[in-house]
Amino acid sequence: MAETKHVEVDLDDIEKICEEFENREGAVVQVLQKVQEKYGYVPAEALELVGDVLEIPKSKMYGVLTFYSQFYQEPRGKFILKVCVGTACHVRGAGLLVDKVREELHIEPGENTEDMLFTLEPVACLGSCALAPMAMVSGTAYGKLSADKMVSLIRQLEEETVHEEETV
């Protein structure tokens, strides 16, 4: 598995995020969503700082973090390749898509590429069975995929990233 890169967590950023919700009771999920939005995951240090600011025990903070599958405790790639492996997609070749991504990017499900550009995430269902096999990347659905189309999508995302970096 590629080595993960952890980020520096700024107490001021955490305090600002907590202030957005005026320390309302029950706002922990929303605060953690904002933290994850900022960092791409919920760093352990950020979790601890949120708990300190909101005066919530570490055990409760960790309980919330681990209860909801939407939260990630490790950095993730810029592009999350959510490949549907539900029944309709499976029957139409989703396994081939996952295998092709593994082969092309040299990562296993749940892993990131070394450049932190991609994370492979097989998911149970994306709710668009008519488009099977399908994947979702950055909120965009890609349907009726073949292994070759999946590779083309990956190459397109890589090219867009290179272009973005050149224009900065």
N, C-alpha and C. Protein backbone atom coordinates (compact mmCIF):
# COMPACT_ATOMS: atom_id res chain seq x y z
N MET A 1 0.85 -1.19 0.00
CA MET A 1 0.00 0.00 0.00
C MET A 1 0.88 1.23 0.00
N ALA A 2 0.47 2.27 -0.74
CA ALA A 2 1.23 3.50 -0.81
C ALA A 2 1.26 4.18 0.55
N GLU A 3 2.37 4.86 0.82
CA GLU A 3 2.50 5.57 2.08
C GLU A 3 1.53 6.75 2.09
N THR A 4 0.85 6.94 3.21
CA THR A 4 -0.12 8.03 3.29
C THR A 4 0.54 9.29 3.81
N LYS A 5 0.06 10.42 3.34
CA LYS A 5 0.58 11.71 3.75
C LYS A 5 -0.42 12.34 4.71
N HIS A 6 0.06 12.72 5.86
CA HIS A 6 -0.81 13.36 6.84
C HIS A 6 -0.59 14.86 6.77
N VAL A 7 -1.61 15.62 7.10
CA VAL A 7 -1.56 17.07 7.00
C VAL A 7 -1.38 17.70 8.36
N GLU A 8 -0.91 18.94 8.37
CA GLU A 8 -0.83 19.72 9.59
C GLU A 8 -2.22 20.24 9.91
N VAL A 9 -2.67 20.05 11.12
CA VAL A 9 -3.99 20.51 11.54
C VAL A 9 -3.79 21.80 12.31
N ASP A 10 -4.55 22.82 11.96
CA ASP A 10 -4.45 24.14 12.57
C ASP A 10 -5.60 24.33 13.57
N LEU A 11 -5.25 24.59 14.82
CA LEU A 11 -6.26 24.78 15.87
C LEU A 11 -7.22 25.91 15.50
N ASP A 12 -6.71 26.98 14.89
CA ASP A 12 -7.58 28.10 14.50
C ASP A 12 -8.64 27.64 13.50
N ASP A 13 -8.24 26.79 12.54
CA ASP A 13 -9.20 26.26 11.57
C ASP A 13 -10.29 25.45 12.26
N ILE A 14 -9.88 24.62 13.20
CA ILE A 14 -10.83 23.78 13.93
C ILE A 14 -11.78 24.65 14.75
N GLU A 15 -11.25 25.65 15.40
CA GLU A 15 -12.10 26.56 16.19
C GLU A 15 -13.12 27.28 15.31
N LYS A 16 -12.68 27.72 14.13
CA LYS A 16 -13.59 28.40 13.20
C LYS A 16 -14.71 27.46 12.75
N ILE A 17 -14.35 26.22 12.44
CA ILE A 17 -15.36 25.25 12.02
C ILE A 17 -16.36 25.03 13.15
N CYS A 18 -15.86 24.87 14.38
CA CYS A 18 -16.76 24.65 15.53
C CYS A 18 -17.65 25.87 15.77
N GLU A 19 -17.09 27.07 15.59
CA GLU A 19 -17.87 28.30 15.79
C GLU A 19 -19.01 28.42 14.79
N GLU A 20 -18.81 27.88 13.56
CA GLU A 20 -19.87 27.92 12.54
C GLU A 20 -21.16 27.31 13.07
N PHE A 21 -21.01 26.34 13.94
CA PHE A 21 -22.17 25.63 14.47
C PHE A 21 -22.51 26.07 15.88
N GLU A 22 -21.85 27.15 16.33
CA GLU A 22 -22.12 27.78 17.63
C GLU A 22 -22.15 26.76 18.76
N ASN A 23 -21.29 25.75 18.65
CA ASN A 23 -21.22 24.71 19.67
C ASN A 23 -22.57 24.11 20.01
N ARG A 24 -23.47 24.06 19.01
CA ARG A 24 -24.79 23.44 19.22
C ARG A 24 -24.64 21.98 19.57
N GLU A 25 -25.45 21.54 20.50
CA GLU A 25 -25.45 20.13 20.84
C GLU A 25 -25.92 19.34 19.61
N GLY A 26 -25.28 18.24 19.37
CA GLY A 26 -25.67 17.42 18.23
C GLY A 26 -25.02 17.86 16.92
N ALA A 27 -24.13 18.84 16.96
CA ALA A 27 -23.51 19.35 15.74
C ALA A 27 -22.23 18.60 15.39
N VAL A 28 -21.90 17.57 16.16
CA VAL A 28 -20.64 16.87 15.95
C VAL A 28 -20.52 16.32 14.53
N VAL A 29 -21.57 15.73 14.02
CA VAL A 29 -21.52 15.16 12.67
C VAL A 29 -21.23 16.26 11.65
N GLN A 30 -21.93 17.38 11.78
CA GLN A 30 -21.72 18.48 10.83
C GLN A 30 -20.31 19.06 10.95
N VAL A 31 -19.80 19.16 12.16
CA VAL A 31 -18.45 19.66 12.36
C VAL A 31 -17.44 18.71 11.72
N LEU A 32 -17.61 17.41 11.94
CA LEU A 32 -16.70 16.43 11.34
C LEU A 32 -16.79 16.43 9.82
N GLN A 33 -17.99 16.68 9.29
CA GLN A 33 -18.14 16.78 7.83
C GLN A 33 -17.32 17.95 7.31
N LYS A 34 -17.37 19.07 8.00
CA LYS A 34 -16.60 20.26 7.58
C LYS A 34 -15.10 20.00 7.69
N VAL A 35 -14.69 19.33 8.76
CA VAL A 35 -13.27 18.98 8.92
C VAL A 35 -12.82 18.10 7.75
N GLN A 36 -13.64 17.10 7.44
CA GLN A 36 -13.29 16.19 6.34
C GLN A 36 -13.28 16.92 5.00
N GLU A 37 -14.21 17.85 4.83
CA GLU A 37 -14.25 18.66 3.61
C GLU A 37 -12.95 19.45 3.46
N LYS A 38 -12.44 19.96 4.56
CA LYS A 38 -11.21 20.77 4.53
C LYS A 38 -9.97 19.92 4.28
N TYR A 39 -9.86 18.79 4.99
CA TYR A 39 -8.64 18.00 4.94
C TYR A 39 -8.73 16.77 4.03
N GLY A 40 -9.92 16.39 3.61
CA GLY A 40 -10.10 15.20 2.80
C GLY A 40 -10.31 13.94 3.62
N TYR A 41 -10.12 14.04 4.90
CA TYR A 41 -10.35 12.98 5.88
C TYR A 41 -10.38 13.64 7.25
N VAL A 42 -10.60 12.88 8.30
CA VAL A 42 -10.61 13.45 9.65
C VAL A 42 -9.33 13.00 10.36
N PRO A 43 -8.32 13.87 10.36
CA PRO A 43 -7.08 13.51 11.03
C PRO A 43 -7.32 13.31 12.54
N ALA A 44 -6.58 12.39 13.14
CA ALA A 44 -6.73 12.10 14.57
C ALA A 44 -6.55 13.37 15.41
N GLU A 45 -5.60 14.19 15.03
CA GLU A 45 -5.35 15.43 15.77
C GLU A 45 -6.56 16.36 15.69
N ALA A 46 -7.20 16.43 14.52
CA ALA A 46 -8.39 17.27 14.36
C ALA A 46 -9.53 16.74 15.21
N LEU A 47 -9.69 15.42 15.24
CA LEU A 47 -10.74 14.81 16.05
C LEU A 47 -10.56 15.20 17.51
N GLU A 48 -9.33 15.13 17.97
CA GLU A 48 -9.03 15.48 19.36
C GLU A 48 -9.31 16.97 19.62
N LEU A 49 -8.91 17.83 18.69
CA LEU A 49 -9.14 19.26 18.86
C LEU A 49 -10.62 19.60 18.87
N VAL A 50 -11.40 18.97 17.98
CA VAL A 50 -12.85 19.19 17.95
C VAL A 50 -13.44 18.80 19.30
N GLY A 51 -13.01 17.65 19.81
CA GLY A 51 -13.49 17.20 21.12
C GLY A 51 -13.15 18.19 22.21
N ASP A 52 -11.94 18.74 22.17
CA ASP A 52 -11.53 19.73 23.17
C ASP A 52 -12.37 21.00 23.07
N VAL A 53 -12.54 21.50 21.84
CA VAL A 53 -13.29 22.74 21.64
C VAL A 53 -14.76 22.56 22.04
N LEU A 54 -15.35 21.42 21.65
CA LEU A 54 -16.76 21.18 21.95
C LEU A 54 -16.98 20.55 23.33
N GLU A 55 -15.85 20.28 24.01
CA GLU A 55 -15.90 19.66 25.35
C GLU A 55 -16.64 18.33 25.32
N ILE A 56 -16.21 17.50 24.37
CA ILE A 56 -16.79 16.16 24.22
C ILE A 56 -15.66 15.16 24.43
N PRO A 57 -15.88 14.14 25.26
CA PRO A 57 -14.82 13.15 25.51
C PRO A 57 -14.33 12.49 24.22
N LYS A 58 -13.04 12.15 24.23
CA LYS A 58 -12.43 11.51 23.06
C LYS A 58 -13.18 10.25 22.66
N SER A 59 -13.63 9.48 23.64
CA SER A 59 -14.31 8.22 23.33
C SER A 59 -15.60 8.47 22.55
N LYS A 60 -16.32 9.52 22.90
CA LYS A 60 -17.56 9.84 22.16
C LYS A 60 -17.23 10.35 20.76
N MET A 61 -16.19 11.15 20.63
CA MET A 61 -15.80 11.66 19.31
C MET A 61 -15.42 10.49 18.41
N TYR A 62 -14.62 9.56 18.94
CA TYR A 62 -14.21 8.40 18.16
C TYR A 62 -15.42 7.53 17.81
N GLY A 63 -16.34 7.44 18.72
CA GLY A 63 -17.56 6.67 18.47
C GLY A 63 -18.35 7.22 17.29
N VAL A 64 -18.47 8.54 17.23
CA VAL A 64 -19.18 9.18 16.11
C VAL A 64 -18.41 8.94 14.82
N LEU A 65 -17.10 9.14 14.87
CA LEU A 65 -16.26 8.99 13.68
C LEU A 65 -16.36 7.58 13.10
N THR A 66 -16.36 6.59 13.95
CA THR A 66 -16.36 5.21 13.46
C THR A 66 -17.76 4.68 13.17
N PHE A 67 -18.78 5.31 13.72
CA PHE A 67 -20.16 4.86 13.48
C PHE A 67 -20.59 5.17 12.05
N TYR A 68 -20.26 6.34 11.55
CA TYR A 68 -20.70 6.78 10.23
C TYR A 68 -19.67 6.40 9.16
N SER A 69 -20.11 5.66 8.16
CA SER A 69 -19.19 5.21 7.11
C SER A 69 -18.73 6.35 6.20
N GLN A 70 -19.35 7.52 6.32
CA GLN A 70 -18.96 8.65 5.48
C GLN A 70 -17.62 9.26 5.90
N PHE A 71 -17.16 8.94 7.11
CA PHE A 71 -15.93 9.54 7.61
C PHE A 71 -14.74 8.63 7.37
N TYR A 72 -13.62 9.25 7.02
CA TYR A 72 -12.39 8.53 6.73
C TYR A 72 -11.30 8.99 7.69
N GLN A 73 -10.52 8.03 8.16
CA GLN A 73 -9.47 8.33 9.13
C GLN A 73 -8.09 8.42 8.49
N GLU A 74 -8.01 8.15 7.22
CA GLU A 74 -6.75 8.22 6.48
C GLU A 74 -6.95 9.10 5.25
N PRO A 75 -5.87 9.73 4.78
CA PRO A 75 -5.97 10.55 3.56
C PRO A 75 -6.47 9.71 2.39
N ARG A 76 -7.15 10.38 1.49
CA ARG A 76 -7.68 9.72 0.29
C ARG A 76 -7.23 10.51 -0.93
N GLY A 77 -7.28 9.86 -2.08
CA GLY A 77 -6.85 10.50 -3.32
C GLY A 77 -7.75 11.64 -3.73
N LYS A 78 -7.25 12.43 -4.64
CA LYS A 78 -8.03 13.54 -5.19
C LYS A 78 -9.29 13.02 -5.87
N PHE A 79 -9.16 11.90 -6.57
CA PHE A 79 -10.29 11.28 -7.26
C PHE A 79 -10.60 9.94 -6.60
N ILE A 80 -11.80 9.80 -6.09
CA ILE A 80 -12.25 8.55 -5.51
C ILE A 80 -12.98 7.79 -6.61
N LEU A 81 -12.41 6.68 -7.04
CA LEU A 81 -13.02 5.87 -8.09
C LEU A 81 -13.99 4.90 -7.42
N LYS A 82 -15.24 5.30 -7.33
CA LYS A 82 -16.27 4.46 -6.73
C LYS A 82 -16.83 3.56 -7.83
N VAL A 83 -16.39 2.32 -7.81
CA VAL A 83 -16.83 1.36 -8.83
C VAL A 83 -17.93 0.51 -8.21
N CYS A 84 -19.10 0.55 -8.83
CA CYS A 84 -20.24 -0.22 -8.33
C CYS A 84 -19.99 -1.71 -8.57
N VAL A 85 -20.18 -2.49 -7.51
CA VAL A 85 -20.06 -3.94 -7.63
C VAL A 85 -21.37 -4.61 -7.18
N GLY A 86 -22.45 -3.85 -7.22
CA GLY A 86 -23.78 -4.39 -6.91
C GLY A 86 -24.17 -5.43 -7.95
N THR A 87 -25.30 -6.05 -7.72
CA THR A 87 -25.72 -7.18 -8.56
C THR A 87 -25.76 -6.85 -10.05
N ALA A 88 -26.46 -5.79 -10.44
CA ALA A 88 -26.58 -5.47 -11.87
C ALA A 88 -25.21 -5.18 -12.48
N CYS A 89 -24.39 -4.42 -11.76
CA CYS A 89 -23.05 -4.10 -12.28
C CYS A 89 -22.16 -5.34 -12.30
N HIS A 90 -22.27 -6.15 -11.26
CA HIS A 90 -21.48 -7.38 -11.20
C HIS A 90 -21.78 -8.28 -12.40
N VAL A 91 -23.06 -8.46 -12.68
CA VAL A 91 -23.47 -9.32 -13.79
C VAL A 91 -22.95 -8.79 -15.12
N ARG A 92 -22.82 -7.47 -15.21
CA ARG A 92 -22.37 -6.86 -16.47
C ARG A 92 -20.87 -6.55 -16.49
N GLY A 93 -20.12 -7.11 -15.55
CA GLY A 93 -18.66 -7.01 -15.66
C GLY A 93 -17.95 -6.03 -14.75
N ALA A 94 -18.55 -5.64 -13.64
CA ALA A 94 -17.90 -4.69 -12.72
C ALA A 94 -16.57 -5.23 -12.20
N GLY A 95 -16.49 -6.54 -12.02
CA GLY A 95 -15.23 -7.13 -11.55
C GLY A 95 -14.07 -6.84 -12.48
N LEU A 96 -14.37 -6.81 -13.78
CA LEU A 96 -13.34 -6.48 -14.77
C LEU A 96 -12.87 -5.04 -14.61
N LEU A 97 -13.80 -4.14 -14.26
CA LEU A 97 -13.43 -2.74 -14.05
C LEU A 97 -12.50 -2.61 -12.85
N VAL A 98 -12.87 -3.27 -11.75
CA VAL A 98 -12.03 -3.22 -10.55
C VAL A 98 -10.66 -3.81 -10.86
N ASP A 99 -10.63 -4.94 -11.54
CA ASP A 99 -9.36 -5.58 -11.89
C ASP A 99 -8.50 -4.66 -12.76
N LYS A 100 -9.12 -3.98 -13.70
CA LYS A 100 -8.38 -3.09 -14.61
C LYS A 100 -7.80 -1.90 -13.85
N VAL A 101 -8.57 -1.34 -12.92
CA VAL A 101 -8.06 -0.22 -12.11
C VAL A 101 -6.88 -0.70 -11.27
N ARG A 102 -7.03 -1.86 -10.66
CA ARG A 102 -5.95 -2.42 -9.84
C ARG A 102 -4.68 -2.58 -10.68
N GLU A 103 -4.85 -3.11 -11.90
CA GLU A 103 -3.73 -3.34 -12.80
C GLU A 103 -3.09 -2.03 -13.26
N GLU A 104 -3.92 -1.09 -13.66
CA GLU A 104 -3.41 0.18 -14.20
C GLU A 104 -2.76 1.06 -13.15
N LEU A 105 -3.36 1.12 -11.96
CA LEU A 105 -2.89 2.05 -10.93
C LEU A 105 -2.04 1.38 -9.85
N HIS A 106 -1.93 0.06 -9.91
CA HIS A 106 -1.13 -0.70 -8.94
C HIS A 106 -1.59 -0.45 -7.50
N ILE A 107 -2.90 -0.48 -7.31
CA ILE A 107 -3.47 -0.33 -5.97
C ILE A 107 -4.57 -1.38 -5.77
N GLU A 108 -4.83 -1.68 -4.54
CA GLU A 108 -5.91 -2.58 -4.17
C GLU A 108 -7.10 -1.75 -3.71
N PRO A 109 -8.29 -2.34 -3.64
CA PRO A 109 -9.45 -1.60 -3.12
C PRO A 109 -9.14 -0.99 -1.75
N GLY A 110 -9.50 0.29 -1.62
CA GLY A 110 -9.26 1.02 -0.39
C GLY A 110 -7.92 1.73 -0.34
N GLU A 111 -7.07 1.47 -1.32
CA GLU A 111 -5.74 2.09 -1.34
C GLU A 111 -5.70 3.33 -2.23
N ASN A 112 -4.65 4.13 -2.01
CA ASN A 112 -4.39 5.33 -2.78
C ASN A 112 -3.18 5.09 -3.69
N THR A 113 -3.15 5.80 -4.81
CA THR A 113 -1.93 5.80 -5.62
C THR A 113 -0.87 6.61 -4.86
N GLU A 114 0.39 6.35 -5.16
CA GLU A 114 1.47 7.04 -4.45
C GLU A 114 1.37 8.55 -4.60
N ASP A 115 0.90 9.03 -5.74
CA ASP A 115 0.79 10.48 -5.96
C ASP A 115 -0.48 11.07 -5.35
N MET A 116 -1.25 10.21 -4.65
CA MET A 116 -2.49 10.63 -3.98
C MET A 116 -3.53 11.17 -4.97
N LEU A 117 -3.44 10.74 -6.21
CA LEU A 117 -4.39 11.18 -7.22
C LEU A 117 -5.66 10.33 -7.19
N PHE A 118 -5.52 9.02 -6.96
CA PHE A 118 -6.67 8.11 -7.01
C PHE A 118 -6.78 7.24 -5.77
N THR A 119 -8.03 6.95 -5.42
CA THR A 119 -8.36 5.94 -4.42
C THR A 119 -9.39 5.02 -5.07
N LEU A 120 -9.18 3.72 -4.96
CA LEU A 120 -10.12 2.75 -5.51
C LEU A 120 -11.08 2.33 -4.41
N GLU A 121 -12.37 2.52 -4.66
CA GLU A 121 -13.39 2.20 -3.66
C GLU A 121 -14.55 1.44 -4.29
N PRO A 122 -14.51 0.13 -4.29
CA PRO A 122 -15.68 -0.62 -4.74
C PRO A 122 -16.84 -0.34 -3.78
N VAL A 123 -18.04 -0.12 -4.33
CA VAL A 123 -19.21 0.17 -3.49
C VAL A 123 -20.34 -0.79 -3.85
N ALA A 124 -21.20 -1.05 -2.87
CA ALA A 124 -22.27 -2.04 -3.04
C ALA A 124 -23.27 -1.65 -4.12
N CYS A 125 -23.64 -0.38 -4.20
CA CYS A 125 -24.61 0.04 -5.20
C CYS A 125 -24.59 1.56 -5.32
N LEU A 126 -24.65 2.03 -6.54
CA LEU A 126 -24.72 3.47 -6.79
C LEU A 126 -26.11 3.89 -7.24
N GLY A 127 -27.02 2.94 -7.32
CA GLY A 127 -28.42 3.25 -7.61
C GLY A 127 -28.74 3.60 -9.05
N SER A 128 -27.90 3.21 -9.96
CA SER A 128 -28.15 3.48 -11.38
C SER A 128 -27.95 2.21 -12.18
N CYS A 129 -28.72 1.20 -11.85
CA CYS A 129 -28.56 -0.13 -12.44
C CYS A 129 -28.69 -0.12 -13.96
N ALA A 130 -29.46 0.78 -14.50
CA ALA A 130 -29.63 0.84 -15.95
C ALA A 130 -28.33 1.23 -16.65
N LEU A 131 -27.39 1.84 -15.91
CA LEU A 131 -26.12 2.25 -16.49
C LEU A 131 -25.01 1.22 -16.27
N ALA A 132 -25.36 0.06 -15.73
CA ALA A 132 -24.37 -0.95 -15.36
C ALA A 132 -23.53 -1.40 -16.55
N PRO A 133 -22.25 -1.67 -16.30
CA PRO A 133 -21.50 -1.38 -15.09
C PRO A 133 -21.12 0.09 -15.04
N MET A 134 -21.05 0.60 -13.82
CA MET A 134 -20.82 2.04 -13.69
C MET A 134 -19.85 2.37 -12.58
N ALA A 135 -19.43 3.62 -12.59
CA ALA A 135 -18.56 4.16 -11.56
C ALA A 135 -18.96 5.61 -11.34
N MET A 136 -18.55 6.14 -10.20
CA MET A 136 -18.79 7.55 -9.91
C MET A 136 -17.47 8.16 -9.46
N VAL A 137 -17.16 9.32 -10.01
CA VAL A 137 -15.95 10.04 -9.67
C VAL A 137 -16.32 11.50 -9.47
N SER A 138 -16.01 12.03 -8.31
CA SER A 138 -16.28 13.44 -8.00
C SER A 138 -17.73 13.81 -8.29
N GLY A 139 -18.64 12.93 -7.94
CA GLY A 139 -20.06 13.21 -8.09
C GLY A 139 -20.62 13.02 -9.49
N THR A 140 -19.78 12.62 -10.42
CA THR A 140 -20.23 12.39 -11.80
C THR A 140 -20.32 10.89 -12.06
N ALA A 141 -21.46 10.46 -12.58
CA ALA A 141 -21.68 9.05 -12.89
C ALA A 141 -21.19 8.75 -14.30
N TYR A 142 -20.51 7.62 -14.43
CA TYR A 142 -20.04 7.15 -15.73
C TYR A 142 -20.63 5.76 -15.92
N GLY A 143 -21.47 5.61 -16.93
CA GLY A 143 -22.18 4.35 -17.12
C GLY A 143 -21.76 3.58 -18.34
N LYS A 144 -22.24 2.34 -18.36
CA LYS A 144 -21.96 1.41 -19.45
C LYS A 144 -20.47 1.35 -19.75
N LEU A 145 -19.70 1.22 -18.67
CA LEU A 145 -18.25 1.21 -18.78
C LEU A 145 -17.72 -0.15 -19.21
N SER A 146 -16.63 -0.10 -19.93
CA SER A 146 -15.84 -1.28 -20.24
C SER A 146 -14.49 -1.04 -19.57
N ALA A 147 -13.64 -2.05 -19.55
CA ALA A 147 -12.31 -1.88 -18.97
C ALA A 147 -11.55 -0.78 -19.72
N ASP A 148 -11.67 -0.76 -21.04
CA ASP A 148 -10.98 0.27 -21.84
C ASP A 148 -11.51 1.67 -21.54
N LYS A 149 -12.83 1.79 -21.38
CA LYS A 149 -13.41 3.10 -21.05
C LYS A 149 -12.95 3.55 -19.67
N MET A 150 -12.79 2.61 -18.74
CA MET A 150 -12.33 2.94 -17.40
C MET A 150 -10.90 3.48 -17.46
N VAL A 151 -10.06 2.84 -18.25
CA VAL A 151 -8.68 3.32 -18.41
C VAL A 151 -8.68 4.70 -19.06
N SER A 152 -9.53 4.91 -20.05
CA SER A 152 -9.62 6.22 -20.70
C SER A 152 -10.03 7.30 -19.70
N LEU A 153 -10.97 6.98 -18.83
CA LEU A 153 -11.41 7.92 -17.80
C LEU A 153 -10.26 8.27 -16.87
N ILE A 154 -9.51 7.27 -16.45
CA ILE A 154 -8.36 7.50 -15.57
C ILE A 154 -7.35 8.41 -16.27
N ARG A 155 -7.04 8.12 -17.52
CA ARG A 155 -6.07 8.94 -18.28
C ARG A 155 -6.58 10.38 -18.44
N GLN A 156 -7.87 10.53 -18.68
CA GLN A 156 -8.46 11.86 -18.81
C GLN A 156 -8.30 12.65 -17.50
N LEU A 157 -8.57 12.01 -16.38
CA LEU A 157 -8.43 12.67 -15.08
C LEU A 157 -6.97 13.04 -14.80
N GLU A 158 -6.06 12.17 -15.18
CA GLU A 158 -4.63 12.47 -15.03
C GLU A 158 -4.24 13.67 -15.87
N GLU A 159 -4.70 13.70 -17.13
CA GLU A 159 -4.38 14.82 -18.03
C GLU A 159 -4.95 16.13 -17.50
N GLU A 160 -6.19 16.10 -17.01
CA GLU A 160 -6.80 17.31 -16.46
C GLU A 160 -6.00 17.83 -15.27
N THR A 161 -5.50 16.91 -14.46
CA THR A 161 -4.72 17.31 -13.29
C THR A 161 -3.41 17.95 -13.71
N VAL A 162 -2.73 17.36 -14.70
CA VAL A 162 -1.49 17.91 -15.21
C VAL A 162 -1.73 19.31 -15.77
N HIS A 163 -2.83 19.45 -16.54
CA HIS A 163 -3.18 20.75 -17.12
C HIS A 163 -3.43 21.78 -16.02
N GLU A 164 -4.16 21.40 -14.98
CA GLU A 164 -4.42 22.30 -13.84
C GLU A 164 -3.13 22.76 -13.20
N GLU A 165 -2.20 21.81 -13.00
CA GLU A 165 -0.93 22.13 -12.35
C GLU A 165 -0.08 23.05 -13.23
N GLU A 166 -0.16 22.89 -14.55
CA GLU A 166 0.61 23.73 -15.47
C GLU A 166 0.10 25.16 -15.49
N THR A 167 -1.20 25.33 -15.27
CA THR A 167 -1.79 26.68 -15.34
C THR A 167 -1.72 27.42 -14.01
N VAL A 168 -1.23 26.74 -12.98
CA VAL A 168 -1.13 27.39 -11.66
C VAL A 168 0.19 28.07 -11.51
